[in-house]
Structure formats: C-alpha cells, structure tokens
C-alpha cells in the first residue's frame, strides 16, 4: 500500500495542475496504485501533472516505468508532466539510469508550478 497525497492548483493562465505526492516506496508492490492514480489524474482531472517525489525513498525500475507511462499519457493529451523534489536516494537512481535527462525535473514544487507547460510554450 502506498499513500498518495493529491493537491489541485489553478495557475494564473487558467490551467489546472494536479500535484501527486506519493510516500514510501515506489516499487513493484505499490506501482499499480500509483499508475492508476496517474492515469485517473491525467484523464479526468488535468492534463498537467507534477509528481513530488520528496517522500519516495526508494524507486525501482517498475516505478520509473510508471513515471514514463505518465509522461506519455500527458504528452498524448498535449499536457505537461514534471517531477520535483527528488529524494536523494531516488535522485541517484534517476542519474544512474539517465532518466534525469528524460523528465522535466525541478528542485521544488513551487518551481515546477511556475514553469510554463510545454503545450503552452510551443
């Protein structure tokens, strides 16, 4: 079981942004819950999603795969998918796998919220 906090923000440009903050381990035993929450958020709530990984102290390949799938879901609906606040342990996994070059990663949730979604910038 994984706990996932969800917040909704409305940006100045009128776009709704969902921030998901999972806590604990994002691994083979919990990733299905996280993946369902991501899919639901993108398909029903907002095409703009931020995943705050500050409380995820362990992530395995299935966790990374769920993040890639979420990014692809957001891309399909011309949305944005950002990651912020990487826990030091998770950050190492992103660097080793070079996933830090795949995702838009921000230091803080505030910085991720301030960034202009790619669909609006392009």
PDB file of N, CA and C in Angstrom:
ATOM      1  N   UNK A   1       0.839  -1.186   0.000  1.00  0.00           N
ATOM      2  CA  UNK A   1       0.000   0.000   0.000  1.00  0.00           C
ATOM      3  C   UNK A   1       0.888   1.255   0.000  1.00  0.00           C
ATOM      4  N   UNK A   2       0.516   2.211  -0.816  1.00  0.00           N
ATOM      5  CA  UNK A   2       1.264   3.464  -0.876  1.00  0.00           C
ATOM      6  C   UNK A   2       0.279   4.613  -0.646  1.00  0.00           C
ATOM      7  N   UNK A   3       0.701   5.581   0.121  1.00  0.00           N
ATOM      8  CA  UNK A   3      -0.131   6.767   0.344  1.00  0.00           C
ATOM      9  C   UNK A   3       0.226   7.797  -0.716  1.00  0.00           C
ATOM     10  N   UNK A   4      -0.794   8.385  -1.345  1.00  0.00           N
ATOM     11  CA  UNK A   4      -0.560   9.400  -2.380  1.00  0.00           C
ATOM     12  C   UNK A   4      -1.403  10.634  -2.065  1.00  0.00           C
ATOM     13  N   UNK A   5      -0.735  11.702  -1.689  1.00  0.00           N
ATOM     14  CA  UNK A   5      -1.411  12.973  -1.446  1.00  0.00           C
ATOM     15  C   UNK A   5      -1.681  13.640  -2.795  1.00  0.00           C
ATOM     16  N   UNK A   6      -2.821  14.290  -2.894  1.00  0.00           N
ATOM     17  CA  UNK A   6      -3.177  14.976  -4.145  1.00  0.00           C
ATOM     18  C   UNK A   6      -3.618  16.395  -3.842  1.00  0.00           C
ATOM     19  N   UNK A   7      -3.025  17.340  -4.572  1.00  0.00           N
ATOM     20  CA  UNK A   7      -3.420  18.745  -4.468  1.00  0.00           C
ATOM     21  C   UNK A   7      -3.763  19.256  -5.857  1.00  0.00           C
ATOM     22  N   UNK A   8      -4.664  20.220  -5.899  1.00  0.00           N
ATOM     23  CA  UNK A   8      -5.055  20.827  -7.166  1.00  0.00           C
ATOM     24  C   UNK A   8      -4.761  22.318  -7.105  1.00  0.00           C
ATOM     25  N   UNK A   9      -4.111  22.813  -8.133  1.00  0.00           N
ATOM     26  CA  UNK A   9      -3.806  24.240  -8.241  1.00  0.00           C
ATOM     27  C   UNK A   9      -4.401  24.776  -9.533  1.00  0.00           C
ATOM     28  N   UNK A  10      -4.820  26.027  -9.503  1.00  0.00           N
ATOM     29  CA  UNK A  10      -5.218  26.704 -10.724  1.00  0.00           C
ATOM     30  C   UNK A  10      -4.189  27.800 -10.964  1.00  0.00           C
ATOM     31  N   UNK A  11      -3.516  27.689 -12.082  1.00  0.00           N
ATOM     32  CA  UNK A  11      -2.471  28.658 -12.408  1.00  0.00           C
ATOM     33  C   UNK A  11      -3.084  29.958 -12.901  1.00  0.00           C
ATOM     34  N   UNK A  12      -2.264  30.996 -12.967  1.00  0.00           N
ATOM     35  CA  UNK A  12      -2.734  32.302 -13.434  1.00  0.00           C
ATOM     36  C   UNK A  12      -3.246  32.244 -14.858  1.00  0.00           C
ATOM     37  N   UNK A  13      -2.714  31.302 -15.659  1.00  0.00           N
ATOM     38  CA  UNK A  13      -3.168  31.178 -17.043  1.00  0.00           C
ATOM     39  C   UNK A  13      -4.477  30.385 -17.157  1.00  0.00           C
ATOM     40  N   UNK A  14      -5.024  29.971 -16.015  1.00  0.00           N
ATOM     41  CA  UNK A  14      -6.300  29.256 -16.019  1.00  0.00           C
ATOM     42  C   UNK A  14      -6.178  27.746 -16.057  1.00  0.00           C
ATOM     43  N   UNK A  15      -4.984  27.232 -16.281  1.00  0.00           N
ATOM     44  CA  UNK A  15      -4.783  25.783 -16.318  1.00  0.00           C
ATOM     45  C   UNK A  15      -4.827  25.182 -14.921  1.00  0.00           C
ATOM     46  N   UNK A  16      -5.432  24.023 -14.812  1.00  0.00           N
ATOM     47  CA  UNK A  16      -5.437  23.268 -13.569  1.00  0.00           C
ATOM     48  C   UNK A  16      -4.229  22.340 -13.577  1.00  0.00           C
ATOM     49  N   UNK A  17      -3.542  22.288 -12.438  1.00  0.00           N
ATOM     50  CA  UNK A  17      -2.385  21.420 -12.293  1.00  0.00           C
ATOM     51  C   UNK A  17      -2.621  20.514 -11.095  1.00  0.00           C
ATOM     52  N   UNK A  18      -2.417  19.226 -11.291  1.00  0.00           N
ATOM     53  CA  UNK A  18      -2.538  18.252 -10.208  1.00  0.00           C
ATOM     54  C   UNK A  18      -1.140  17.923  -9.705  1.00  0.00           C
ATOM     55  N   UNK A  19      -0.955  17.982  -8.382  1.00  0.00           N
ATOM     56  CA  UNK A  19       0.315  17.590  -7.781  1.00  0.00           C
ATOM     57  C   UNK A  19       0.075  16.312  -6.988  1.00  0.00           C
ATOM     58  N   UNK A  20       0.768  15.255  -7.370  1.00  0.00           N
ATOM     59  CA  UNK A  20       0.690  13.984  -6.666  1.00  0.00           C
ATOM     60  C   UNK A  20       1.969  13.795  -5.868  1.00  0.00           C
ATOM     61  N   UNK A  21       1.813  13.455  -4.579  1.00  0.00           N
ATOM     62  CA  UNK A  21       2.962  13.243  -3.708  1.00  0.00           C
ATOM     63  C   UNK A  21       2.862  11.864  -3.076  1.00  0.00           C
ATOM     64  N   UNK A  22       3.470  10.869  -3.719  1.00  0.00           N
ATOM     65  CA  UNK A  22       3.479   9.540  -3.117  1.00  0.00           C
ATOM     66  C   UNK A  22       4.462   9.501  -1.948  1.00  0.00           C
ATOM     67  N   UNK A  23       4.210   8.608  -0.985  1.00  0.00           N
ATOM     68  CA  UNK A  23       5.093   8.488   0.170  1.00  0.00           C
ATOM     69  C   UNK A  23       5.485   7.030   0.366  1.00  0.00           C
ATOM     70  N   UNK A  24       6.778   6.804   0.585  1.00  0.00           N
ATOM     71  CA  UNK A  24       7.275   5.455   0.825  1.00  0.00           C
ATOM     72  C   UNK A  24       8.058   4.929  -0.352  1.00  0.00           C
ATOM     73  N   UNK A  25       7.778   3.679  -0.677  1.00  0.00           N
ATOM     74  CA  UNK A  25       8.490   3.006  -1.766  1.00  0.00           C
ATOM     75  C   UNK A  25       7.630   2.992  -3.022  1.00  0.00           C
ATOM     76  N   UNK A  26       8.256   3.273  -4.144  1.00  0.00           N
ATOM     77  CA  UNK A  26       7.580   3.180  -5.441  1.00  0.00           C
ATOM     78  C   UNK A  26       8.242   2.000  -6.161  1.00  0.00           C
ATOM     79  N   UNK A  27       7.678   0.823  -5.881  1.00  0.00           N
ATOM     80  CA  UNK A  27       8.280  -0.396  -6.407  1.00  0.00           C
ATOM     81  C   UNK A  27       7.209  -1.338  -6.942  1.00  0.00           C
ATOM     82  N   UNK A  28       7.601  -2.534  -7.284  1.00  0.00           N
ATOM     83  CA  UNK A  28       6.709  -3.494  -7.926  1.00  0.00           C
ATOM     84  C   UNK A  28       5.443  -3.764  -7.099  1.00  0.00           C
ATOM     85  N   UNK A  29       5.531  -3.641  -5.776  1.00  0.00           N
ATOM     86  CA  UNK A  29       4.369  -3.936  -4.941  1.00  0.00           C
ATOM     87  C   UNK A  29       3.392  -2.759  -4.813  1.00  0.00           C
ATOM     88  N   UNK A  30       3.833  -1.551  -5.118  1.00  0.00           N
ATOM     89  CA  UNK A  30       2.967  -0.377  -4.951  1.00  0.00           C
ATOM     90  C   UNK A  30       2.692   0.373  -6.244  1.00  0.00           C
ATOM     91  N   UNK A  31       3.430   0.058  -7.290  1.00  0.00           N
ATOM     92  CA  UNK A  31       3.391   0.871  -8.502  1.00  0.00           C
ATOM     93  C   UNK A  31       2.019   0.847  -9.187  1.00  0.00           C
ATOM     94  N   UNK A  32       1.286  -0.241  -9.062  1.00  0.00           N
ATOM     95  CA  UNK A  32      -0.021  -0.309  -9.731  1.00  0.00           C
ATOM     96  C   UNK A  32      -0.974   0.745  -9.173  1.00  0.00           C
ATOM     97  N   UNK A  33      -0.929   0.980  -7.860  1.00  0.00           N
ATOM     98  CA  UNK A  33      -1.787   2.014  -7.263  1.00  0.00           C
ATOM     99  C   UNK A  33      -1.398   3.394  -7.780  1.00  0.00           C
ATOM    100  N   UNK A  34      -0.096   3.637  -7.829  1.00  0.00           N
ATOM    101  CA  UNK A  34       0.401   4.924  -8.307  1.00  0.00           C
ATOM    102  C   UNK A  34       0.036   5.130  -9.774  1.00  0.00           C
ATOM    103  N   UNK A  35       0.196   4.092 -10.571  1.00  0.00           N
ATOM    104  CA  UNK A  35      -0.114   4.176 -12.005  1.00  0.00           C
ATOM    105  C   UNK A  35      -1.592   4.489 -12.226  1.00  0.00           C
ATOM    106  N   UNK A  36      -2.472   3.844 -11.472  1.00  0.00           N
ATOM    107  CA  UNK A  36      -3.911   4.121 -11.583  1.00  0.00           C
ATOM    108  C   UNK A  36      -4.221   5.574 -11.222  1.00  0.00           C
ATOM    109  N   UNK A  37      -3.584   6.068 -10.168  1.00  0.00           N
ATOM    110  CA  UNK A  37      -3.799   7.456  -9.743  1.00  0.00           C
ATOM    111  C   UNK A  37      -3.320   8.425 -10.828  1.00  0.00           C
ATOM    112  N   UNK A  38      -2.179   8.134 -11.432  1.00  0.00           N
ATOM    113  CA  UNK A  38      -1.667   8.970 -12.519  1.00  0.00           C
ATOM    114  C   UNK A  38      -2.639   8.988 -13.697  1.00  0.00           C
ATOM    115  N   UNK A  39      -3.074   7.809 -14.116  1.00  0.00           N
ATOM    116  CA  UNK A  39      -3.998   7.718 -15.250  1.00  0.00           C
ATOM    117  C   UNK A  39      -5.287   8.484 -14.965  1.00  0.00           C
ATOM    118  N   UNK A  40      -5.829   8.303 -13.775  1.00  0.00           N
ATOM    119  CA  UNK A  40      -7.063   8.987 -13.392  1.00  0.00           C
ATOM    120  C   UNK A  40      -6.872  10.499 -13.393  1.00  0.00           C
ATOM    121  N   UNK A  41      -5.756  10.955 -12.851  1.00  0.00           N
ATOM    122  CA  UNK A  41      -5.483  12.397 -12.787  1.00  0.00           C
ATOM    123  C   UNK A  41      -5.407  13.006 -14.175  1.00  0.00           C
ATOM    124  N   UNK A  42      -4.690  12.346 -15.080  1.00  0.00           N
ATOM    125  CA  UNK A  42      -4.491  12.893 -16.423  1.00  0.00           C
ATOM    126  C   UNK A  42      -5.767  12.800 -17.253  1.00  0.00           C
ATOM    127  N   UNK A  43      -6.505  11.700 -17.128  1.00  0.00           N
ATOM    128  CA  UNK A  43      -7.694  11.517 -17.972  1.00  0.00           C
ATOM    129  C   UNK A  43      -8.921  12.263 -17.460  1.00  0.00           C
ATOM    130  N   UNK A  44      -9.020  12.471 -16.140  1.00  0.00           N
ATOM    131  CA  UNK A  44     -10.249  13.055 -15.598  1.00  0.00           C
ATOM    132  C   UNK A  44     -10.093  14.435 -14.968  1.00  0.00           C
ATOM    133  N   UNK A  45      -8.885  14.762 -14.484  1.00  0.00           N
ATOM    134  CA  UNK A  45      -8.737  15.989 -13.706  1.00  0.00           C
ATOM    135  C   UNK A  45      -7.972  17.090 -14.428  1.00  0.00           C
ATOM    136  N   UNK A  46      -6.807  16.759 -14.949  1.00  0.00           N
ATOM    137  CA  UNK A  46      -5.982  17.765 -15.629  1.00  0.00           C
ATOM    138  C   UNK A  46      -4.931  17.087 -16.484  1.00  0.00           C
ATOM    139  N   UNK A  47      -4.623  17.711 -17.605  1.00  0.00           N
ATOM    140  CA  UNK A  47      -3.559  17.170 -18.454  1.00  0.00           C
ATOM    141  C   UNK A  47      -2.187  17.633 -17.978  1.00  0.00           C
ATOM    142  N   UNK A  48      -2.149  18.456 -16.942  1.00  0.00           N
ATOM    143  CA  UNK A  48      -0.888  18.944 -16.373  1.00  0.00           C
ATOM    144  C   UNK A  48      -0.682  18.320 -14.993  1.00  0.00           C
ATOM    145  N   UNK A  49       0.396  17.542 -14.858  1.00  0.00           N
ATOM    146  CA  UNK A  49       0.654  16.817 -13.617  1.00  0.00           C
ATOM    147  C   UNK A  49       2.087  17.061 -13.154  1.00  0.00           C
ATOM    148  N   UNK A  50       2.219  17.216 -11.840  1.00  0.00           N
ATOM    149  CA  UNK A  50       3.523  17.293 -11.187  1.00  0.00           C
ATOM    150  C   UNK A  50       3.572  16.147 -10.191  1.00  0.00           C
ATOM    151  N   UNK A  51       4.672  15.404 -10.201  1.00  0.00           N
ATOM    152  CA  UNK A  51       4.868  14.342  -9.216  1.00  0.00           C
ATOM    153  C   UNK A  51       5.985  14.791  -8.283  1.00  0.00           C
ATOM    154  N   UNK A  52       5.621  14.979  -7.019  1.00  0.00           N
ATOM    155  CA  UNK A  52       6.570  15.387  -5.991  1.00  0.00           C
ATOM    156  C   UNK A  52       7.119  14.119  -5.345  1.00  0.00           C
ATOM    157  N   UNK A  53       8.394  13.835  -5.575  1.00  0.00           N
ATOM    158  CA  UNK A  53       8.996  12.597  -5.080  1.00  0.00           C
ATOM    159  C   UNK A  53       9.799  12.791  -3.794  1.00  0.00           C
ATOM    160  N   UNK A  54       9.543  13.861  -3.087  1.00  0.00           N
ATOM    161  CA  UNK A  54      10.280  14.150  -1.862  1.00  0.00           C
ATOM    162  C   UNK A  54      10.097  13.128  -0.763  1.00  0.00           C
ATOM    163  N   UNK A  55       9.002  12.374  -0.788  1.00  0.00           N
ATOM    164  CA  UNK A  55       8.746  11.373   0.252  1.00  0.00           C
ATOM    165  C   UNK A  55       8.922   9.942  -0.254  1.00  0.00           C
ATOM    166  N   UNK A  56       9.477   9.806  -1.470  1.00  0.00           N
ATOM    167  CA  UNK A  56       9.760   8.478  -2.022  1.00  0.00           C
ATOM    168  C   UNK A  56      11.239   8.193  -1.803  1.00  0.00           C
ATOM    169  N   UNK A  57      11.525   7.280  -0.855  1.00  0.00           N
ATOM    170  CA  UNK A  57      12.919   6.999  -0.526  1.00  0.00           C
ATOM    171  C   UNK A  57      13.481   5.808  -1.295  1.00  0.00           C
ATOM    172  N   UNK A  58      12.624   5.138  -2.069  1.00  0.00           N
ATOM    173  CA  UNK A  58      13.089   4.019  -2.891  1.00  0.00           C
ATOM    174  C   UNK A  58      12.252   3.954  -4.154  1.00  0.00           C
ATOM    175  N   UNK A  59      12.913   3.796  -5.287  1.00  0.00           N
ATOM    176  CA  UNK A  59      12.208   3.628  -6.556  1.00  0.00           C
ATOM    177  C   UNK A  59      12.951   2.578  -7.363  1.00  0.00           C
ATOM    178  N   UNK A  60      12.200   1.632  -7.928  1.00  0.00           N
ATOM    179  CA  UNK A  60      12.823   0.613  -8.762  1.00  0.00           C
ATOM    180  C   UNK A  60      12.423   0.813 -10.217  1.00  0.00           C
ATOM    181  N   UNK A  61      12.796  -0.135 -11.060  1.00  0.00           N
ATOM    182  CA  UNK A  61      12.531   0.021 -12.495  1.00  0.00           C
ATOM    183  C   UNK A  61      11.037   0.100 -12.798  1.00  0.00           C
ATOM    184  N   UNK A  62      10.210  -0.597 -12.029  1.00  0.00           N
ATOM    185  CA  UNK A  62       8.761  -0.513 -12.275  1.00  0.00           C
ATOM    186  C   UNK A  62       8.241   0.878 -11.907  1.00  0.00           C
ATOM    187  N   UNK A  63       8.831   1.497 -10.897  1.00  0.00           N
ATOM    188  CA  UNK A  63       8.466   2.871 -10.539  1.00  0.00           C
ATOM    189  C   UNK A  63       8.851   3.845 -11.638  1.00  0.00           C
ATOM    190  N   UNK A  64      10.049   3.680 -12.178  1.00  0.00           N
ATOM    191  CA  UNK A  64      10.485   4.525 -13.292  1.00  0.00           C
ATOM    192  C   UNK A  64       9.583   4.322 -14.503  1.00  0.00           C
ATOM    193  N   UNK A  65       9.210   3.078 -14.769  1.00  0.00           N
ATOM    194  CA  UNK A  65       8.330   2.774 -15.897  1.00  0.00           C
ATOM    195  C   UNK A  65       6.974   3.459 -15.734  1.00  0.00           C
ATOM    196  N   UNK A  66       6.452   3.491 -14.514  1.00  0.00           N
ATOM    197  CA  UNK A  66       5.159   4.157 -14.289  1.00  0.00           C
ATOM    198  C   UNK A  66       5.264   5.657 -14.544  1.00  0.00           C
ATOM    199  N   UNK A  67       6.405   6.253 -14.214  1.00  0.00           N
ATOM    200  CA  UNK A  67       6.606   7.678 -14.475  1.00  0.00           C
ATOM    201  C   UNK A  67       6.705   7.946 -15.978  1.00  0.00           C
ATOM    202  N   UNK A  68       7.403   7.081 -16.695  1.00  0.00           N
ATOM    203  CA  UNK A  68       7.488   7.225 -18.154  1.00  0.00           C
ATOM    204  C   UNK A  68       6.097   7.100 -18.775  1.00  0.00           C
ATOM    205  N   UNK A  69       5.314   6.138 -18.293  1.00  0.00           N
ATOM    206  CA  UNK A  69       3.951   5.958 -18.807  1.00  0.00           C
ATOM    207  C   UNK A  69       3.100   7.190 -18.534  1.00  0.00           C
ATOM    208  N   UNK A  70       3.251   7.780 -17.357  1.00  0.00           N
ATOM    209  CA  UNK A  70       2.519   9.003 -17.032  1.00  0.00           C
ATOM    210  C   UNK A  70       2.912  10.152 -17.932  1.00  0.00           C
ATOM    211  N   UNK A  71       4.207  10.266 -18.205  1.00  0.00           N
ATOM    212  CA  UNK A  71       4.685  11.317 -19.105  1.00  0.00           C
ATOM    213  C   UNK A  71       4.093  11.120 -20.497  1.00  0.00           C
ATOM    214  N   UNK A  72       4.045   9.882 -20.963  1.00  0.00           N
ATOM    215  CA  UNK A  72       3.466   9.600 -22.285  1.00  0.00           C
ATOM    216  C   UNK A  72       1.971   9.900 -22.312  1.00  0.00           C
ATOM    217  N   UNK A  73       1.268   9.552 -21.235  1.00  0.00           N
ATOM    218  CA  UNK A  73      -0.167   9.875 -21.149  1.00  0.00           C
ATOM    219  C   UNK A  73      -0.394  11.378 -21.255  1.00  0.00           C
ATOM    220  N   UNK A  74       0.427  12.155 -20.544  1.00  0.00           N
ATOM    221  CA  UNK A  74       0.298  13.616 -20.583  1.00  0.00           C
ATOM    222  C   UNK A  74       0.633  14.146 -21.973  1.00  0.00           C
ATOM    223  N   UNK A  75       1.658  13.582 -22.607  1.00  0.00           N
ATOM    224  CA  UNK A  75       2.033  14.008 -23.962  1.00  0.00           C
ATOM    225  C   UNK A  75       0.906  13.745 -24.958  1.00  0.00           C
ATOM    226  N   UNK A  76       0.212  12.621 -24.799  1.00  0.00           N
ATOM    227  CA  UNK A  76      -0.878  12.269 -25.714  1.00  0.00           C
ATOM    228  C   UNK A  76      -1.999  13.302 -25.712  1.00  0.00           C
ATOM    229  N   UNK A  77      -2.217  13.935 -24.551  1.00  0.00           N
ATOM    230  CA  UNK A  77      -3.281  14.938 -24.449  1.00  0.00           C
ATOM    231  C   UNK A  77      -2.708  16.357 -24.470  1.00  0.00           C
ATOM    232  N   UNK A  78      -1.459  16.478 -24.959  1.00  0.00           N
ATOM    233  CA  UNK A  78      -0.760  17.757 -25.077  1.00  0.00           C
ATOM    234  C   UNK A  78      -0.661  18.480 -23.726  1.00  0.00           C
ATOM    235  N   UNK A  79      -0.397  17.686 -22.700  1.00  0.00           N
ATOM    236  CA  UNK A  79      -0.244  18.231 -21.359  1.00  0.00           C
ATOM    237  C   UNK A  79       1.215  18.332 -20.973  1.00  0.00           C
ATOM    238  N   UNK A  80       1.463  18.463 -19.678  1.00  0.00           N
ATOM    239  CA  UNK A  80       2.828  18.530 -19.175  1.00  0.00           C
ATOM    240  C   UNK A  80       2.972  17.560 -18.009  1.00  0.00           C
ATOM    241  N   UNK A  81       4.176  17.057 -17.847  1.00  0.00           N
ATOM    242  CA  UNK A  81       4.469  16.100 -16.788  1.00  0.00           C
ATOM    243  C   UNK A  81       5.808  16.488 -16.196  1.00  0.00           C
ATOM    244  N   UNK A  82       5.794  16.813 -14.925  1.00  0.00           N
ATOM    245  CA  UNK A  82       7.007  17.281 -14.262  1.00  0.00           C
ATOM    246  C   UNK A  82       7.243  16.507 -12.984  1.00  0.00           C
ATOM    247  N   UNK A  83       8.485  16.441 -12.616  1.00  0.00           N
ATOM    248  CA  UNK A  83       8.883  15.793 -11.376  1.00  0.00           C
ATOM    249  C   UNK A  83       9.607  16.843 -10.545  1.00  0.00           C
ATOM    250  N   UNK A  84       9.399  16.801  -9.237  1.00  0.00           N
ATOM    251  CA  UNK A  84      10.100  17.751  -8.378  1.00  0.00           C
ATOM    252  C   UNK A  84      10.510  17.100  -7.062  1.00  0.00           C
ATOM    253  N   UNK A  85      11.401  17.790  -6.377  1.00  0.00           N
ATOM    254  CA  UNK A  85      11.770  17.466  -5.010  1.00  0.00           C
ATOM    255  C   UNK A  85      12.270  16.026  -4.873  1.00  0.00           C
ATOM    256  N   UNK A  86      13.181  15.628  -5.745  1.00  0.00           N
ATOM    257  CA  UNK A  86      13.692  14.253  -5.705  1.00  0.00           C
ATOM    258  C   UNK A  86      14.409  13.963  -4.389  1.00  0.00           C
ATOM    259  N   UNK A  87      13.988  12.916  -3.729  1.00  0.00           N
ATOM    260  CA  UNK A  87      14.671  12.416  -2.539  1.00  0.00           C
ATOM    261  C   UNK A  87      16.081  12.004  -2.976  1.00  0.00           C
ATOM    262  N   UNK A  88      17.109  12.244  -2.158  1.00  0.00           N
ATOM    263  CA  UNK A  88      18.486  11.913  -2.564  1.00  0.00           C
ATOM    264  C   UNK A  88      18.660  10.465  -3.038  1.00  0.00           C
ATOM    265  N   UNK A  89      17.991   9.523  -2.383  1.00  0.00           N
ATOM    266  CA  UNK A  89      18.105   8.118  -2.786  1.00  0.00           C
ATOM    267  C   UNK A  89      17.494   7.898  -4.172  1.00  0.00           C
ATOM    268  N   UNK A  90      16.347   8.517  -4.426  1.00  0.00           N
ATOM    269  CA  UNK A  90      15.688   8.376  -5.727  1.00  0.00           C
ATOM    270  C   UNK A  90      16.481   9.131  -6.797  1.00  0.00           C
ATOM    271  N   UNK A  91      17.065  10.256  -6.427  1.00  0.00           N
ATOM    272  CA  UNK A  91      17.833  11.054  -7.386  1.00  0.00           C
ATOM    273  C   UNK A  91      18.984  10.239  -7.964  1.00  0.00           C
ATOM    274  N   UNK A  92      19.611   9.442  -7.129  1.00  0.00           N
ATOM    275  CA  UNK A  92      20.716   8.597  -7.580  1.00  0.00           C
ATOM    276  C   UNK A  92      20.240   7.612  -8.655  1.00  0.00           C
ATOM    277  N   UNK A  93      19.065   7.028  -8.465  1.00  0.00           N
ATOM    278  CA  UNK A  93      18.507   6.098  -9.453  1.00  0.00           C
ATOM    279  C   UNK A  93      18.254   6.821 -10.776  1.00  0.00           C
ATOM    280  N   UNK A  94      17.717   8.035 -10.710  1.00  0.00           N
ATOM    281  CA  UNK A  94      17.465   8.821 -11.924  1.00  0.00           C
ATOM    282  C   UNK A  94      18.773   9.113 -12.660  1.00  0.00           C
ATOM    283  N   UNK A  95      19.818   9.440 -11.918  1.00  0.00           N
ATOM    284  CA  UNK A  95      21.103   9.765 -12.536  1.00  0.00           C
ATOM    285  C   UNK A  95      21.756   8.533 -13.155  1.00  0.00           C
ATOM    286  N   UNK A  96      21.745   7.414 -12.436  1.00  0.00           N
ATOM    287  CA  UNK A  96      22.380   6.190 -12.935  1.00  0.00           C
ATOM    288  C   UNK A  96      21.697   5.701 -14.209  1.00  0.00           C
ATOM    289  N   UNK A  97      20.366   5.791 -14.241  1.00  0.00           N
ATOM    290  CA  UNK A  97      19.607   5.313 -15.404  1.00  0.00           C
ATOM    291  C   UNK A  97      19.490   6.374 -16.499  1.00  0.00           C
ATOM    292  N   UNK A  98      20.018   7.559 -16.224  1.00  0.00           N
ATOM    293  CA  UNK A  98      19.952   8.707 -17.137  1.00  0.00           C
ATOM    294  C   UNK A  98      18.518   9.193 -17.365  1.00  0.00           C
ATOM    295  N   UNK A  99      17.603   8.833 -16.473  1.00  0.00           N
ATOM    296  CA  UNK A  99      16.233   9.317 -16.561  1.00  0.00           C
ATOM    297  C   UNK A  99      16.146  10.797 -16.199  1.00  0.00           C
ATOM    298  N   UNK A 100      17.197  11.324 -15.580  1.00  0.00           N
ATOM    299  CA  UNK A 100      17.213  12.748 -15.272  1.00  0.00           C
ATOM    300  C   UNK A 100      17.289  13.592 -16.539  1.00  0.00           C
ATOM    301  N   UNK A 101      17.632  12.955 -17.678  1.00  0.00           N
ATOM    302  CA  UNK A 101      17.648  13.675 -18.952  1.00  0.00           C
ATOM    303  C   UNK A 101      16.327  13.508 -19.713  1.00  0.00           C
ATOM    304  N   UNK A 102      15.484  12.618 -19.253  1.00  0.00           N
ATOM    305  CA  UNK A 102      14.215  12.317 -19.921  1.00  0.00           C
ATOM    306  C   UNK A 102      13.081  13.202 -19.396  1.00  0.00           C
ATOM    307  N   UNK A 103      13.082  13.434 -18.095  1.00  0.00           N
ATOM    308  CA  UNK A 103      11.998  14.174 -17.443  1.00  0.00           C
ATOM    309  C   UNK A 103      12.352  15.639 -17.212  1.00  0.00           C
ATOM    310  N   UNK A 104      11.303  16.446 -17.096  1.00  0.00           N
ATOM    311  CA  UNK A 104      11.473  17.820 -16.611  1.00  0.00           C
ATOM    312  C   UNK A 104      11.508  17.715 -15.090  1.00  0.00           C
ATOM    313  N   UNK A 105      12.672  17.973 -14.497  1.00  0.00           N
ATOM    314  CA  UNK A 105      12.840  17.823 -13.056  1.00  0.00           C
ATOM    315  C   UNK A 105      13.156  19.181 -12.445  1.00  0.00           C
ATOM    316  N   UNK A 106      12.402  19.510 -11.394  1.00  0.00           N
ATOM    317  CA  UNK A 106      12.561  20.784 -10.699  1.00  0.00           C
ATOM    318  C   UNK A 106      12.960  20.525  -9.254  1.00  0.00           C
ATOM    319  N   UNK A 107      13.673  21.464  -8.669  1.00  0.00           N
ATOM    320  CA  UNK A 107      14.104  21.331  -7.273  1.00  0.00           C
ATOM    321  C   UNK A 107      12.923  21.335  -6.307  1.00  0.00           C
ATOM    322  N   UNK A 108      11.977  22.258  -6.541  1.00  0.00           N
ATOM    323  CA  UNK A 108      10.862  22.408  -5.608  1.00  0.00           C
ATOM    324  C   UNK A 108       9.519  22.334  -6.337  1.00  0.00           C
ATOM    325  N   UNK A 109       8.484  22.103  -5.563  1.00  0.00           N
ATOM    326  CA  UNK A 109       7.124  22.082  -6.119  1.00  0.00           C
ATOM    327  C   UNK A 109       6.761  23.456  -6.673  1.00  0.00           C
ATOM    328  N   UNK A 110       7.185  24.503  -5.991  1.00  0.00           N
ATOM    329  CA  UNK A 110       6.897  25.867  -6.436  1.00  0.00           C
ATOM    330  C   UNK A 110       7.523  26.141  -7.804  1.00  0.00           C
ATOM    331  N   UNK A 111       8.766  25.711  -7.990  1.00  0.00           N
ATOM    332  CA  UNK A 111       9.425  25.907  -9.286  1.00  0.00           C
ATOM    333  C   UNK A 111       8.718  25.128 -10.386  1.00  0.00           C
ATOM    334  N   UNK A 112       8.267  23.928 -10.076  1.00  0.00           N
ATOM    335  CA  UNK A 112       7.549  23.121 -11.068  1.00  0.00           C
ATOM    336  C   UNK A 112       6.227  23.776 -11.440  1.00  0.00           C
ATOM    337  N   UNK A 113       5.562  24.391 -10.471  1.00  0.00           N
ATOM    338  CA  UNK A 113       4.299  25.080 -10.743  1.00  0.00           C
ATOM    339  C   UNK A 113       4.511  26.343 -11.571  1.00  0.00           C
ATOM    340  N   UNK A 114       5.623  27.042 -11.368  1.00  0.00           N
ATOM    341  CA  UNK A 114       5.891  28.295 -12.070  1.00  0.00           C
ATOM    342  C   UNK A 114       6.272  28.075 -13.519  1.00  0.00           C
ATOM    343  N   UNK A 115       6.843  26.939 -13.847  1.00  0.00           N
ATOM    344  CA  UNK A 115       7.275  26.662 -15.211  1.00  0.00           C
ATOM    345  C   UNK A 115       6.089  26.659 -16.151  1.00  0.00           C
ATOM    346  N   UNK A 116       6.324  27.113 -17.368  1.00  0.00           N
ATOM    347  CA  UNK A 116       5.246  27.170 -18.361  1.00  0.00           C
ATOM    348  C   UNK A 116       5.093  25.788 -18.995  1.00  0.00           C
ATOM    349  N   UNK A 117       3.883  25.217 -18.996  1.00  0.00           N
ATOM    350  CA  UNK A 117       3.700  23.926 -19.646  1.00  0.00           C
ATOM    351  C   UNK A 117       4.150  23.966 -21.104  1.00  0.00           C
ATOM    352  N   UNK A 118       4.760  22.885 -21.553  1.00  0.00           N
ATOM    353  CA  UNK A 118       5.299  22.833 -22.905  1.00  0.00           C
ATOM    354  C   UNK A 118       4.230  23.101 -23.963  1.00  0.00           C
ATOM    355  N   UNK A 119       3.024  22.630 -23.734  1.00  0.00           N
ATOM    356  CA  UNK A 119       1.973  22.805 -24.741  1.00  0.00           C
ATOM    357  C   UNK A 119       1.606  24.275 -24.908  1.00  0.00           C
ATOM    358  N   UNK A 120       1.808  25.066 -23.887  1.00  0.00           N
ATOM    359  CA  UNK A 120       1.502  26.495 -23.966  1.00  0.00           C
ATOM    360  C   UNK A 120       2.693  27.242 -24.561  1.00  0.00           C
ATOM    361  N   UNK A 121       3.892  26.807 -24.217  1.00  0.00           N
ATOM    362  CA  UNK A 121       5.100  27.494 -24.675  1.00  0.00           C
ATOM    363  C   UNK A 121       5.340  27.274 -26.168  1.00  0.00           C
ATOM    364  N   UNK A 122       4.919  26.145 -26.688  1.00  0.00           N
ATOM    365  CA  UNK A 122       5.216  25.838 -28.088  1.00  0.00           C
ATOM    366  C   UNK A 122       4.145  26.351 -29.032  1.00  0.00           C
TER     367      UNK A 122
END
